[in-house]
Amino acid sequence: MAYDKFTVLKSTAVPMPIENVDTDQIIPARFLKATKREGFGDNLFRDWRYNVDNTPKQDFVLNNPIYSGEILVGGKNFGSGSSREHAAWAIYDYGFRCVVSSFFADIFKNNSLNIGILPVQVSPEFLDKIFTAIEADPKTELEVNLPEQTITIVATGEKESFDINGYKKHNLMNGFDDIDYLQSMKAEIETFAAGRLY
């Protein structure tokens, strides 16, 4: 399934300075019955967003209208716990295209990259600067430049580089998942295969 190409994203951000956010908190297990990627955003952080009577919890950041944007800024060790792909699906379906943290669980990181979410790992010091900037001004914008592999606090110009696997970077910039990547090489594969026939 192809997704939107990711090159440069400039957006406000939603701050969630909570450490050790696990995949069951991102999308509780009772919502994993569907097999399509659509609809999971409605239950993103379900138990943190809503009371048992389904009314929004006013003190949760996603229910606070002053915060918005396509970037979610999380605390250290984001996406730990079980390996459910649905956690990444829920974040994407909600509208986030980038998650920033000082550390990601490996499986969550790979699941995100596979569906078009860019996980940007920064130093703890730079993460603190981001949280401080958003706290001072909820309209603070971040610029995530995938080709240059940098993230910038637009108001101050402070930036930091981040790492990403070359193959995953190529796919993100082209809006490819693994199948799309193979499809993009169809002509080359057919030519190679033809040369192997006897």
Protein backbone atom coordinates (compact mmCIF):
# COMPACT_ATOMS: atom_id res chain seq x y z
CA MET A 1 0.00 0.00 0.00
CA ALA A 2 1.57 3.26 -1.13
CA TYR A 3 1.47 6.34 1.08
CA ASP A 4 2.21 10.05 0.78
CA LYS A 5 5.74 10.97 -0.23
CA PHE A 6 7.81 12.44 2.57
CA THR A 7 10.44 15.07 1.75
CA VAL A 8 10.23 18.21 3.88
CA LEU A 9 7.58 18.59 6.58
CA LYS A 10 7.05 21.95 8.27
CA SER A 11 4.40 21.82 10.94
CA THR A 12 3.37 22.66 14.46
CA ALA A 13 3.70 19.76 16.88
CA VAL A 14 1.80 17.98 19.63
CA PRO A 15 3.93 17.55 22.77
CA MET A 16 3.66 14.37 24.83
CA PRO A 17 6.59 14.39 27.29
CA ILE A 18 5.80 10.94 28.66
CA GLU A 19 8.52 8.29 28.80
CA ASN A 20 8.06 4.59 28.00
CA VAL A 21 4.88 4.98 25.98
CA ASP A 22 4.12 1.42 24.89
CA THR A 23 2.09 0.09 22.00
CA ASP A 24 -0.83 -0.95 24.22
CA GLN A 25 -1.18 2.67 25.32
CA ILE A 26 -0.93 3.83 21.71
CA ILE A 27 -3.69 1.44 20.58
CA PRO A 28 -5.27 -0.84 23.22
CA ALA A 29 -5.49 -4.54 22.35
CA ARG A 30 -9.31 -4.57 22.20
CA PHE A 31 -9.17 -2.46 19.02
CA LEU A 32 -6.95 -4.81 17.01
CA LYS A 33 -9.67 -6.83 15.32
CA ALA A 34 -9.64 -4.95 12.00
CA THR A 35 -7.14 -5.93 9.32
CA LYS A 36 -7.32 -2.77 7.21
CA ARG A 37 -5.29 0.26 8.20
CA GLU A 38 -8.21 2.69 8.24
CA GLY A 39 -10.08 3.78 11.36
CA PHE A 40 -7.40 3.17 13.97
CA GLY A 41 -6.84 6.89 14.52
CA ASP A 42 -10.19 7.12 16.30
CA ASN A 43 -8.77 4.97 19.08
CA LEU A 44 -5.25 6.38 19.22
CA PHE A 45 -4.36 6.67 22.95
CA ARG A 46 -7.97 5.66 23.60
CA ASP A 47 -7.68 5.11 27.35
CA TRP A 48 -5.77 8.34 27.81
CA ARG A 49 -8.11 10.38 25.58
CA TYR A 50 -11.49 9.22 26.88
CA ASN A 51 -13.29 8.43 30.10
CA VAL A 52 -15.22 5.17 30.46
CA ASP A 53 -18.38 7.01 29.33
CA ASN A 54 -16.55 8.06 26.12
CA THR A 55 -16.32 11.72 27.09
CA PRO A 56 -12.95 13.34 26.29
CA LYS A 57 -10.47 13.76 29.13
CA GLN A 58 -9.84 17.47 29.16
CA ASP A 59 -6.31 17.19 30.53
CA PHE A 60 -5.01 14.97 27.70
CA VAL A 61 -2.97 16.74 25.06
CA LEU A 62 -4.87 15.43 22.02
CA ASN A 63 -8.02 16.96 23.48
CA ASN A 64 -6.36 20.35 23.93
CA PRO A 65 -7.22 22.59 20.95
CA ILE A 66 -4.12 24.75 21.37
CA TYR A 67 -1.97 21.87 20.08
CA SER A 68 -2.14 20.56 16.54
CA GLY A 69 0.04 19.49 13.65
CA GLU A 70 1.47 16.51 11.82
CA ILE A 71 4.36 15.97 14.26
CA LEU A 72 4.05 14.11 17.56
CA VAL A 73 6.85 14.76 20.05
CA GLY A 74 7.15 11.96 22.59
CA GLY A 75 9.35 11.17 25.55
CA LYS A 76 12.19 8.66 25.71
CA ASN A 77 11.54 5.01 24.72
CA PHE A 78 8.51 5.64 22.54
CA GLY A 79 6.74 2.58 21.12
CA SER A 80 8.00 -0.06 23.53
CA GLY A 81 6.07 -3.22 24.33
CA SER A 82 4.42 -5.65 21.91
CA SER A 83 5.23 -5.58 18.21
CA ARG A 84 1.75 -4.65 16.94
CA GLU A 85 1.79 -2.85 13.60
CA HIS A 86 -1.53 -1.28 14.55
CA ALA A 87 0.28 1.24 16.79
CA ALA A 88 1.95 2.79 13.75
CA TRP A 89 -1.30 2.49 11.77
CA ALA A 90 -3.17 4.44 14.48
CA ILE A 91 -0.62 7.25 14.52
CA TYR A 92 -0.68 7.53 10.72
CA ASP A 93 -4.47 7.32 10.53
CA TYR A 94 -4.81 10.10 13.11
CA GLY A 95 -2.78 12.38 10.86
CA PHE A 96 0.75 12.33 12.22
CA ARG A 97 3.54 11.92 9.65
CA CYS A 98 6.48 12.23 12.01
CA VAL A 99 7.22 11.17 15.59
CA VAL A 100 10.15 12.70 17.45
CA SER A 101 11.77 11.08 20.49
CA SER A 102 15.17 10.59 22.06
CA PHE A 103 14.78 6.80 21.72
CA PHE A 104 12.44 4.45 19.84
CA ALA A 105 11.76 0.77 20.31
CA ASP A 106 13.22 -0.94 17.22
CA ILE A 107 10.09 -2.80 16.13
CA PHE A 108 7.90 0.29 16.41
CA LYS A 109 10.50 2.28 14.49
CA ASN A 110 10.52 -0.22 11.63
CA ASN A 111 6.73 -0.53 11.58
CA SER A 112 6.51 3.26 11.29
CA LEU A 113 9.01 3.44 8.45
CA ASN A 114 7.12 0.71 6.60
CA ILE A 115 3.91 2.75 6.40
CA GLY A 116 5.14 6.30 5.86
CA ILE A 117 5.78 7.67 9.34
CA LEU A 118 9.24 9.15 9.88
CA PRO A 119 10.60 8.44 13.38
CA VAL A 120 13.19 11.12 14.15
CA GLN A 121 15.54 10.24 16.98
CA VAL A 122 17.23 13.27 18.55
CA SER A 123 19.48 13.80 21.53
CA PRO A 124 17.84 14.21 24.95
CA GLU A 125 19.13 17.78 25.01
CA PHE A 126 17.52 18.69 21.69
CA LEU A 127 14.28 16.98 22.70
CA ASP A 128 14.19 19.19 25.81
CA LYS A 129 14.66 22.25 23.59
CA ILE A 130 11.71 21.20 21.47
CA PHE A 131 9.46 20.69 24.48
CA THR A 132 10.56 24.05 25.94
CA ALA A 133 9.85 25.84 22.65
CA ILE A 134 6.37 24.33 22.33
CA GLU A 135 5.56 25.09 25.96
CA ALA A 136 6.53 28.72 25.38
CA ASP A 137 4.52 28.91 22.15
CA PRO A 138 2.14 26.13 21.06
CA LYS A 139 2.37 27.48 17.50
CA THR A 140 6.08 26.68 17.36
CA GLU A 141 6.92 25.04 14.05
CA LEU A 142 9.40 22.28 13.40
CA GLU A 143 10.90 21.56 10.01
CA VAL A 144 11.83 17.97 9.29
CA ASN A 145 14.01 17.72 6.19
CA LEU A 146 14.37 14.10 5.13
CA PRO A 147 16.75 14.65 2.17
CA GLU A 148 19.16 16.52 4.46
CA GLN A 149 18.25 14.42 7.53
CA THR A 150 17.80 17.44 9.79
CA ILE A 151 15.15 18.68 12.20
CA THR A 152 14.96 22.41 12.94
CA ILE A 153 13.12 24.55 15.48
CA VAL A 154 12.05 27.18 12.98
CA ALA A 155 11.81 30.14 15.39
CA THR A 156 15.36 29.78 16.69
CA GLY A 157 17.06 28.06 13.78
CA GLU A 158 18.46 25.40 16.09
CA LYS A 159 18.82 22.11 14.28
CA GLU A 160 20.07 18.59 14.72
CA SER A 161 20.82 15.77 12.32
CA PHE A 162 19.21 12.35 12.52
CA ASP A 163 20.04 8.93 11.10
CA ILE A 164 17.93 6.78 8.81
CA ASN A 165 18.50 3.61 6.82
CA GLY A 166 19.19 4.47 3.17
CA TYR A 167 16.62 2.02 1.80
CA LYS A 168 13.89 3.31 4.11
CA LYS A 169 14.80 6.90 3.24
CA HIS A 170 14.44 6.13 -0.47
CA ASN A 171 11.07 4.51 0.11
CA LEU A 172 9.75 7.37 2.24
CA MET A 173 10.79 9.97 -0.31
CA ASN A 174 9.01 8.03 -3.05
CA GLY A 175 5.96 6.97 -1.04
CA PHE A 176 6.89 3.29 -1.41
CA ASP A 177 6.28 0.35 0.84
CA ASP A 178 8.33 -2.81 0.21
CA ILE A 179 5.97 -4.06 -2.50
CA ASP A 180 5.93 -0.69 -4.26
CA TYR A 181 9.73 -0.72 -4.25
CA LEU A 182 9.80 -4.09 -6.00
CA GLN A 183 7.16 -2.91 -8.47
CA SER A 184 9.32 0.12 -9.28
CA MET A 185 12.08 -2.30 -10.32
CA LYS A 186 9.79 -4.51 -12.41
CA ALA A 187 11.50 -3.74 -15.73
CA GLU A 188 14.96 -4.41 -14.29
CA ILE A 189 13.78 -7.64 -12.69
CA GLU A 190 12.21 -8.82 -15.94
CA THR A 191 15.37 -7.98 -17.90
CA PHE A 192 17.51 -9.86 -15.39
CA ALA A 193 15.15 -12.84 -15.42
CA ALA A 194 15.11 -12.95 -19.22
CA GLY A 195 18.90 -13.13 -19.26
CA ARG A 196 18.82 -16.11 -16.91
CA LEU A 197 16.58 -18.24 -19.12
CA TYR A 198 18.18 -21.04 -21.11
